[in-house]
Amino acid sequence: MTVFEELKRRGLIAQMTNEEKIKELLENEKVTFYIGFDATADSLHVGHFLQLIVMRHLQQAGHRPIALLGTGTTMIGDPTGRTDMRKMLTVEEINHNAECFKKQMSKFIDFSDGKALMLKNGDWLLNLNYIDFLRDVGRHFSVNKMLTAECVKSRLAVGLSFLEFNYMLMQSYDFLHLYNTTGCKMELGGDDQWSNILGGIDLVRRVKGEEVYGMTFTLLTTKEGKKMGKTQKGALWLDPEKCPPYEFFQYWRNVSDDDVINCLKLITFLPIEEIEAMESWEGSQLNKAKEILAYEVTKLVHGEEEATKALETSRNLFSANAQDENMPSTELSADAFQDGTIGLLDLLVATKLCPSKGEARRLTQQGGISIDDEKITDPTAKLDASNFEKGYVIIKKGKKVFHKAIKA
């Protein structure tokens, strides 16, 4: 099976500009391609992870990836999928975020001996002369056509700044620059980047008279079409400091029955034949599939040791004794206690099991909280020294979330 057939069979490919030609390129040539990553945070998240999976599939087939860090385009901000303008970041913040990306990407992509490139588009975008750019690049873009792009059209009702309107031109120029300097022939990205990718392809055609190609891949969504990778605390980050390996593992262990097979196809490297054999699984077998998914994804992101620890912790927590040294924990400072006690709602907020006292109150009243296996439904309950006699308490939220609160 060729890499093109593998991507298709796994359901990773969403759209292509020229399917027949792209298939021919990927099966008969060594292609240089790129994916852009705007440095909007100090960690990659699960949405980026799917893109890294595609890059790795292609690199293993002998193609050369370019990971393009958007140190220039992040100065503008991609309006795609946004209802408002992105927060303006400083050059220092953007460069710091890009350095964090570099460390994380190196876990998935082999950058040794020119097998892949990592570039920053700020190296060429930040030095552009605006008038020259308008004359050389801007003249190739029709405003009427840009207004039909979904990333622009969806924002017109609530307002789109002129700054953001320039984003498509900058991303398109990236493709032209990479074509000229590296021979890059393909741009890849999530399916929400289709309009921006088409802009770059058209610019290369107009300026160079050459055909280049674009391919988007499926967004990681639930069966209902909602984006995956959102937790109560926000995005599902790849940085273990922002999302501990056990919490990362538990996210995938708790996906719905309807989504587990699709996730196995999209974000693991298990042989596709093994995954397809799981499509007939039902009931408890699907729990096994979820465990496999959580282990495989956690191993890719955090390493085999952390994945094994998370797996063992998960199994222990769902056994009769919900105790384990690898359980997520929070150390409570002395300031958290008033007159030797801590309120239940304060405890739930301090451990970040609930984002607010209001939500903690609702969850408690609904019977969703247990302390040391004892259900508590009174939101005014307080815990004192006797509760922490062993040095900690175990909080159970719902049926699947366990957390150790340690008294310092």
Protein backbone atom coordinates (compact mmCIF):
# COMPACT_ATOMS: atom_id res chain seq x y z
CA MET A 1 0.00 0.00 0.00
CA THR A 2 1.41 3.40 -1.00
CA VAL A 3 1.39 6.36 1.39
CA PHE A 4 -1.35 7.99 -0.72
CA GLU A 5 -3.51 4.88 -0.38
CA GLU A 6 -2.74 4.77 3.35
CA LEU A 7 -3.84 8.38 3.89
CA LYS A 8 -7.02 7.77 1.89
CA ARG A 9 -7.85 4.51 3.66
CA ARG A 10 -7.41 6.12 7.08
CA GLY A 11 -9.74 8.95 6.08
CA LEU A 12 -7.06 11.61 6.57
CA ILE A 13 -7.49 13.36 3.20
CA ALA A 14 -10.32 15.90 2.91
CA GLN A 15 -9.68 17.86 -0.32
CA MET A 16 -7.06 17.95 -3.10
CA THR A 17 -6.46 20.36 -5.94
CA ASN A 18 -5.55 17.60 -8.41
CA GLU A 19 -6.03 14.10 -7.03
CA GLU A 20 -4.53 12.25 -9.99
CA LYS A 21 -1.39 14.40 -10.09
CA ILE A 22 -0.92 14.38 -6.31
CA LYS A 23 -1.22 10.59 -6.27
CA GLU A 24 1.37 10.37 -9.05
CA LEU A 25 3.77 12.70 -7.23
CA LEU A 26 3.53 10.92 -3.90
CA GLU A 27 3.94 7.48 -5.47
CA ASN A 28 6.73 8.27 -7.94
CA GLU A 29 8.73 11.27 -6.67
CA LYS A 30 10.33 12.56 -3.50
CA VAL A 31 8.22 15.63 -2.82
CA THR A 32 9.05 18.63 -0.64
CA PHE A 33 5.87 19.85 1.08
CA TYR A 34 5.08 22.25 3.89
CA ILE A 35 2.63 22.87 6.71
CA GLY A 36 2.46 26.18 8.55
CA PHE A 37 2.13 26.53 12.33
CA ASP A 38 1.37 29.99 13.68
CA ALA A 39 3.08 30.52 17.04
CA THR A 40 0.02 31.70 18.98
CA ALA A 41 0.79 29.77 22.21
CA ASP A 42 3.77 28.23 23.98
CA SER A 43 2.69 24.67 23.20
CA LEU A 44 1.27 22.68 20.33
CA HIS A 45 -2.19 21.21 20.85
CA VAL A 46 -4.09 18.19 19.53
CA GLY A 47 -5.14 20.02 16.35
CA HIS A 48 -1.45 20.42 15.48
CA PHE A 49 -0.82 16.80 16.44
CA LEU A 50 -2.93 15.48 13.57
CA GLN A 51 -0.87 17.60 11.17
CA LEU A 52 2.34 16.14 12.62
CA ILE A 53 0.92 12.65 12.10
CA VAL A 54 0.41 13.39 8.38
CA MET A 55 3.94 14.82 8.11
CA ARG A 56 5.35 11.68 9.69
CA HIS A 57 3.41 9.38 7.35
CA LEU A 58 4.83 11.26 4.37
CA GLN A 59 8.36 11.47 5.75
CA GLN A 60 8.41 7.72 6.39
CA ALA A 61 7.50 7.30 2.72
CA GLY A 62 10.57 9.31 1.70
CA HIS A 63 9.10 12.79 1.23
CA ARG A 64 10.61 15.93 2.78
CA PRO A 65 8.50 17.99 5.21
CA ILE A 66 8.97 21.67 5.93
CA ALA A 67 7.61 22.74 9.30
CA LEU A 68 7.02 26.44 8.77
CA LEU A 69 6.86 28.38 12.02
CA GLY A 70 4.70 31.47 11.54
CA THR A 71 6.86 34.07 13.26
CA GLY A 72 5.69 36.52 10.58
CA THR A 73 2.07 35.51 9.97
CA THR A 74 1.41 35.32 13.73
CA MET A 75 2.04 39.09 13.77
CA ILE A 76 -1.18 39.40 11.75
CA GLY A 77 -3.34 36.51 12.95
CA ASP A 78 -5.32 34.05 10.88
CA PRO A 79 -9.05 34.97 10.91
CA THR A 80 -10.04 31.40 9.98
CA GLY A 81 -12.58 29.99 12.40
CA ARG A 82 -12.51 33.11 14.58
CA THR A 83 -15.40 35.31 15.66
CA ASP A 84 -13.06 38.08 16.77
CA MET A 85 -9.53 39.31 16.19
CA ARG A 86 -6.70 37.31 17.74
CA LYS A 87 -4.71 38.76 20.61
CA MET A 88 -1.76 40.79 19.35
CA LEU A 89 1.51 39.18 20.48
CA THR A 90 4.92 40.81 20.74
CA VAL A 91 7.89 39.66 18.66
CA GLU A 92 9.46 38.27 21.84
CA GLU A 93 6.34 36.24 22.70
CA ILE A 94 6.08 34.87 19.17
CA ASN A 95 9.74 33.85 19.04
CA HIS A 96 9.45 32.18 22.46
CA ASN A 97 6.41 30.21 21.29
CA ALA A 98 8.23 29.18 18.11
CA GLU A 99 11.14 27.81 20.16
CA CYS A 100 8.67 25.75 22.22
CA PHE A 101 7.18 24.40 18.98
CA LYS A 102 10.63 23.40 17.72
CA LYS A 103 11.32 21.22 20.77
CA GLN A 104 7.95 19.48 20.54
CA MET A 105 8.06 18.89 16.78
CA SER A 106 11.42 17.18 17.01
CA LYS A 107 9.72 14.30 18.86
CA PHE A 108 7.68 13.47 15.77
CA ILE A 109 9.70 14.60 12.75
CA ASP A 110 13.31 13.65 11.92
CA PHE A 111 15.13 16.91 11.10
CA SER A 112 18.60 15.31 10.83
CA ASP A 113 20.66 15.38 7.62
CA GLY A 114 18.15 17.53 5.73
CA LYS A 115 15.36 14.92 6.00
CA ALA A 116 13.08 17.76 7.05
CA LEU A 117 13.39 21.53 7.35
CA MET A 118 12.20 23.86 10.08
CA LEU A 119 11.90 27.44 8.86
CA LYS A 120 10.46 30.72 10.19
CA ASN A 121 8.44 32.89 7.81
CA GLY A 122 9.38 35.97 9.81
CA ASP A 123 12.81 35.64 8.18
CA TRP A 124 11.32 36.88 4.89
CA LEU A 125 7.94 38.44 5.75
CA LEU A 126 9.19 40.92 8.34
CA ASN A 127 11.67 42.43 5.88
CA LEU A 128 9.20 43.01 3.04
CA ASN A 129 8.78 46.50 1.61
CA TYR A 130 5.02 47.14 1.69
CA ILE A 131 4.82 49.04 -1.60
CA ASP A 132 6.93 46.44 -3.41
CA PHE A 133 4.79 43.69 -1.88
CA LEU A 134 1.58 45.30 -3.10
CA ARG A 135 2.99 45.72 -6.62
CA ASP A 136 4.56 42.25 -6.86
CA VAL A 137 2.00 40.16 -4.95
CA GLY A 138 -1.11 42.19 -4.16
CA ARG A 139 -1.89 42.82 -7.83
CA HIS A 140 -2.50 39.08 -8.34
CA PHE A 141 -5.35 38.97 -5.80
CA SER A 142 -8.96 39.87 -6.55
CA VAL A 143 -10.74 41.44 -3.59
CA ASN A 144 -14.04 40.14 -4.96
CA LYS A 145 -12.67 36.59 -4.94
CA MET A 146 -11.14 36.97 -1.47
CA LEU A 147 -14.52 38.05 -0.11
CA THR A 148 -15.99 34.69 -1.17
CA ALA A 149 -13.45 32.73 0.90
CA GLU A 150 -15.12 31.18 3.93
CA CYS A 151 -12.45 32.47 6.33
CA VAL A 152 -13.28 36.04 5.22
CA LYS A 153 -16.99 35.73 4.50
CA SER A 154 -17.81 34.34 7.95
CA ARG A 155 -16.26 37.41 9.60
CA LEU A 156 -17.80 40.17 7.54
CA ALA A 157 -21.00 40.28 9.62
CA VAL A 158 -19.10 40.89 12.89
CA GLY A 159 -16.15 42.78 11.44
CA LEU A 160 -12.84 41.90 9.83
CA SER A 161 -9.84 44.18 10.31
CA PHE A 162 -7.69 45.21 7.34
CA LEU A 163 -4.77 43.66 9.21
CA GLU A 164 -6.42 40.21 9.11
CA PHE A 165 -7.54 40.72 5.51
CA ASN A 166 -3.84 40.64 4.57
CA TYR A 167 -3.32 37.19 6.09
CA MET A 168 -4.20 35.28 2.92
CA LEU A 169 -1.65 37.28 0.93
CA MET A 170 1.09 36.57 3.45
CA GLN A 171 0.38 32.83 3.60
CA SER A 172 0.24 32.69 -0.19
CA TYR A 173 3.59 34.47 -0.41
CA ASP A 174 5.06 31.78 1.87
CA PHE A 175 4.29 29.16 -0.77
CA LEU A 176 5.89 31.27 -3.51
CA HIS A 177 8.99 31.84 -1.37
CA LEU A 178 9.33 28.15 -0.49
CA TYR A 179 8.83 27.15 -4.12
CA ASN A 180 11.66 29.49 -5.14
CA THR A 181 14.08 28.54 -2.35
CA THR A 182 13.40 24.84 -1.63
CA GLY A 183 11.50 23.51 -4.64
CA CYS A 184 8.42 22.97 -2.45
CA LYS A 185 5.54 21.63 -4.57
CA MET A 186 2.76 21.02 -2.04
CA GLU A 187 1.09 22.84 0.82
CA LEU A 188 -0.85 20.79 3.36
CA GLY A 189 -3.12 21.87 6.17
CA GLY A 190 -6.38 21.35 7.99
CA ASP A 191 -9.51 21.53 5.88
CA ASP A 192 -10.27 25.00 7.28
CA GLN A 193 -7.14 26.24 5.44
CA TRP A 194 -8.47 25.39 1.96
CA SER A 195 -9.00 29.01 0.86
CA ASN A 196 -5.56 30.12 2.03
CA ILE A 197 -3.92 27.13 0.31
CA LEU A 198 -5.70 27.91 -2.97
CA GLY A 199 -4.40 31.49 -2.75
CA GLY A 200 -0.79 30.27 -2.62
CA ILE A 201 -1.27 27.83 -5.48
CA ASP A 202 -2.78 30.55 -7.66
CA LEU A 203 0.04 32.99 -6.80
CA VAL A 204 2.76 30.49 -7.80
CA ARG A 205 0.91 29.82 -11.07
CA ARG A 206 0.60 33.53 -11.88
CA VAL A 207 4.17 34.50 -10.94
CA LYS A 208 6.11 31.40 -12.03
CA GLY A 209 3.77 29.79 -14.55
CA GLU A 210 4.14 26.48 -12.69
CA GLU A 211 1.60 24.10 -11.19
CA VAL A 212 1.87 23.34 -7.48
CA TYR A 213 -0.59 21.44 -5.34
CA GLY A 214 -2.62 21.57 -2.18
CA MET A 215 -4.11 18.92 0.05
CA THR A 216 -6.14 19.31 3.22
CA PHE A 217 -6.82 16.69 5.81
CA THR A 218 -9.79 15.87 7.95
CA LEU A 219 -10.27 17.95 11.08
CA LEU A 220 -10.33 15.97 14.30
CA THR A 221 -14.02 16.12 15.17
CA THR A 222 -16.63 14.02 16.90
CA LYS A 223 -19.26 12.18 14.91
CA GLU A 224 -21.53 15.19 15.54
CA GLY A 225 -18.96 17.49 13.92
CA LYS A 226 -17.64 19.17 17.10
CA LYS A 227 -13.90 19.79 17.28
CA MET A 228 -12.07 17.40 19.59
CA GLY A 229 -9.28 18.42 21.93
CA LYS A 230 -11.21 20.80 24.16
CA THR A 231 -11.23 20.11 27.89
CA GLN A 232 -12.72 21.89 30.87
CA LYS A 233 -9.36 23.59 31.31
CA GLY A 234 -9.12 24.61 27.64
CA ALA A 235 -7.14 23.10 24.77
CA LEU A 236 -5.61 19.62 25.04
CA TRP A 237 -1.94 20.66 25.02
CA LEU A 238 1.02 18.46 24.13
CA ASP A 239 3.21 20.07 26.80
CA PRO A 240 3.16 17.88 29.95
CA GLU A 241 3.35 21.00 32.12
CA LYS A 242 0.09 22.28 30.63
CA CYS A 243 -1.62 18.88 30.41
CA PRO A 244 -0.11 16.05 32.51
CA PRO A 245 0.31 12.71 30.71
CA TYR A 246 -2.35 10.99 32.82
CA GLU A 247 -4.95 13.67 32.02
CA PHE A 248 -3.94 13.44 28.37
CA PHE A 249 -4.38 9.66 28.50
CA GLN A 250 -7.77 9.96 30.21
CA TYR A 251 -9.08 12.31 27.54
CA TRP A 252 -8.64 9.61 24.89
CA ARG A 253 -9.73 6.83 27.25
CA ASN A 254 -13.05 8.66 27.64
CA VAL A 255 -13.91 9.40 23.99
CA SER A 256 -17.34 8.25 22.90
CA ASP A 257 -17.97 4.80 21.41
CA ASP A 258 -18.83 6.49 18.11
CA ASP A 259 -15.45 8.24 17.82
CA VAL A 260 -12.84 5.72 18.99
CA ILE A 261 -12.30 3.89 15.67
CA ASN A 262 -12.02 7.13 13.71
CA CYS A 263 -9.45 8.45 16.21
CA LEU A 264 -7.43 5.24 15.92
CA LYS A 265 -7.31 5.71 12.14
CA LEU A 266 -6.41 9.40 12.24
CA ILE A 267 -3.90 9.79 15.06
CA THR A 268 -2.18 6.44 15.62
CA PHE A 269 0.20 4.35 13.55
CA LEU A 270 -1.48 1.05 14.33
CA PRO A 271 -1.77 -0.98 11.10
CA ILE A 272 -4.98 0.00 9.35
CA GLU A 273 -5.94 -3.67 9.02
CA GLU A 274 -5.93 -4.03 12.83
CA ILE A 275 -8.11 -0.94 13.22
CA GLU A 276 -10.57 -2.04 10.56
CA ALA A 277 -10.93 -5.36 12.37
CA MET A 278 -12.08 -3.38 15.44
CA GLU A 279 -14.97 -1.80 13.53
CA SER A 280 -17.19 -4.75 14.47
CA TRP A 281 -16.35 -4.48 18.18
CA GLU A 282 -19.17 -3.72 20.61
CA GLY A 283 -19.74 -3.16 24.33
CA SER A 284 -16.73 -3.95 26.52
CA GLN A 285 -14.60 -4.47 23.41
CA LEU A 286 -14.95 -0.75 22.67
CA ASN A 287 -13.52 0.01 26.11
CA LYS A 288 -10.50 -2.06 25.10
CA ALA A 289 -10.26 -0.03 21.86
CA LYS A 290 -10.34 3.20 23.89
CA GLU A 291 -7.55 1.92 26.11
CA ILE A 292 -5.49 1.07 23.02
CA LEU A 293 -6.17 4.55 21.58
CA ALA A 294 -5.19 6.32 24.80
CA TYR A 295 -2.01 4.27 25.16
CA GLU A 296 -0.87 4.71 21.55
CA VAL A 297 -1.48 8.47 21.44
CA THR A 298 0.09 9.07 24.86
CA LYS A 299 3.12 7.00 23.81
CA LEU A 300 3.57 9.15 20.71
CA VAL A 301 3.32 12.42 22.63
CA HIS A 302 4.87 11.63 26.01
CA GLY A 303 6.88 8.44 25.47
CA GLU A 304 6.36 4.78 26.30
CA GLU A 305 7.21 5.10 30.00
CA GLU A 306 4.59 7.78 30.65
CA ALA A 307 2.02 5.91 28.55
CA THR A 308 2.60 2.73 30.56
CA LYS A 309 2.31 4.61 33.88
CA ALA A 310 -0.93 6.26 32.72
CA LEU A 311 -2.34 2.91 31.60
CA GLU A 312 -1.51 1.27 34.94
CA THR A 313 -2.95 4.22 36.87
CA SER A 314 -6.15 4.12 34.85
CA ARG A 315 -6.60 0.40 35.44
CA ASN A 316 -5.94 0.77 39.16
CA LEU A 317 -8.40 3.62 39.51
CA PHE A 318 -11.18 1.61 37.94
CA SER A 319 -10.50 -1.39 40.14
CA ALA A 320 -11.94 -1.76 43.63
CA ASN A 321 -9.17 0.31 45.19
CA ALA A 322 -8.91 3.77 43.69
CA GLN A 323 -5.36 4.38 44.96
CA ASP A 324 -2.31 4.93 42.82
CA GLU A 325 0.92 6.90 43.18
CA ASN A 326 0.62 8.24 39.63
CA MET A 327 -2.83 9.73 40.22
CA PRO A 328 -3.09 13.46 39.32
CA SER A 329 -2.62 15.46 42.49
CA THR A 330 -2.66 18.98 43.91
CA GLU A 331 -0.70 20.10 46.96
CA LEU A 332 -2.80 22.44 49.08
CA SER A 333 -0.89 25.24 50.79
CA ALA A 334 -1.61 26.31 54.36
CA ASP A 335 -3.34 29.41 52.98
CA ALA A 336 -6.03 27.19 51.46
CA PHE A 337 -7.26 26.33 54.97
CA GLN A 338 -9.16 28.71 57.25
CA ASP A 339 -9.16 27.74 60.93
CA GLY A 340 -7.97 24.29 59.91
CA THR A 341 -10.79 23.63 57.43
CA ILE A 342 -11.35 23.97 53.70
CA GLY A 343 -14.74 24.26 52.06
CA LEU A 344 -15.69 21.60 49.53
CA LEU A 345 -16.29 24.19 46.82
CA ASP A 346 -12.92 25.83 47.51
CA LEU A 347 -11.28 22.40 47.30
CA LEU A 348 -12.86 21.63 43.92
CA VAL A 349 -11.70 24.97 42.51
CA ALA A 350 -8.20 24.66 44.03
CA THR A 351 -7.72 21.25 42.41
CA LYS A 352 -9.09 22.64 39.12
CA LEU A 353 -11.72 19.94 39.00
CA CYS A 354 -14.22 22.78 38.58
CA PRO A 355 -13.51 26.17 37.01
CA SER A 356 -15.80 28.06 39.45
CA LYS A 357 -17.66 27.71 42.73
CA GLY A 358 -20.94 27.92 40.83
CA GLU A 359 -20.12 24.86 38.77
CA ALA A 360 -18.73 23.09 41.84
CA ARG A 361 -22.01 23.73 43.67
CA ARG A 362 -24.10 22.37 40.80
CA LEU A 363 -21.93 19.28 40.43
CA THR A 364 -22.08 18.57 44.18
CA GLN A 365 -25.85 18.98 44.37
CA GLN A 366 -26.23 16.62 41.42
CA GLY A 367 -24.31 13.90 43.27
CA GLY A 368 -21.19 14.10 41.14
CA ILE A 369 -18.59 14.41 43.94
CA SER A 370 -17.23 11.82 46.37
CA ILE A 371 -14.47 12.25 48.96
CA ASP A 372 -12.67 9.02 49.92
CA ASP A 373 -15.51 6.98 48.37
CA GLU A 374 -18.20 8.89 50.29
CA LYS A 375 -20.65 10.85 48.15
CA ILE A 376 -21.13 14.46 49.28
CA THR A 377 -24.18 16.41 48.13
CA ASP A 378 -23.98 19.33 50.56
CA PRO A 379 -22.14 22.23 48.87
CA THR A 380 -21.53 23.88 52.27
CA ALA A 381 -19.55 20.86 53.53
CA LYS A 382 -16.09 21.48 54.97
CA LEU A 383 -13.09 19.18 55.35
CA ASP A 384 -10.94 19.35 58.49
CA ALA A 385 -7.84 17.69 59.95
CA SER A 386 -9.64 14.39 60.45
CA ASN A 387 -10.30 14.13 56.71
CA PHE A 388 -6.60 14.68 56.01
CA GLU A 389 -5.37 12.34 58.75
CA LYS A 390 -3.49 10.22 56.19
CA GLY A 391 -2.10 13.39 54.53
CA TYR A 392 -4.50 13.53 51.60
CA VAL A 393 -8.03 12.90 50.37
CA ILE A 394 -9.14 11.26 47.12
CA ILE A 395 -11.73 13.23 45.19
CA LYS A 396 -13.87 11.41 42.66
CA LYS A 397 -15.65 13.54 40.08
CA GLY A 398 -18.36 11.71 38.17
CA LYS A 399 -17.51 8.10 37.39
CA LYS A 400 -14.10 8.45 35.78
CA VAL A 401 -12.09 11.36 37.21
CA PHE A 402 -9.94 10.82 40.32
CA HIS A 403 -7.71 13.42 41.97
CA LYS A 404 -5.53 13.39 45.10
CA ALA A 405 -5.58 16.54 47.25
CA ILE A 406 -2.49 16.61 49.48
CA LYS A 407 -2.25 18.77 52.59
CA ALA A 408 1.18 20.39 52.65
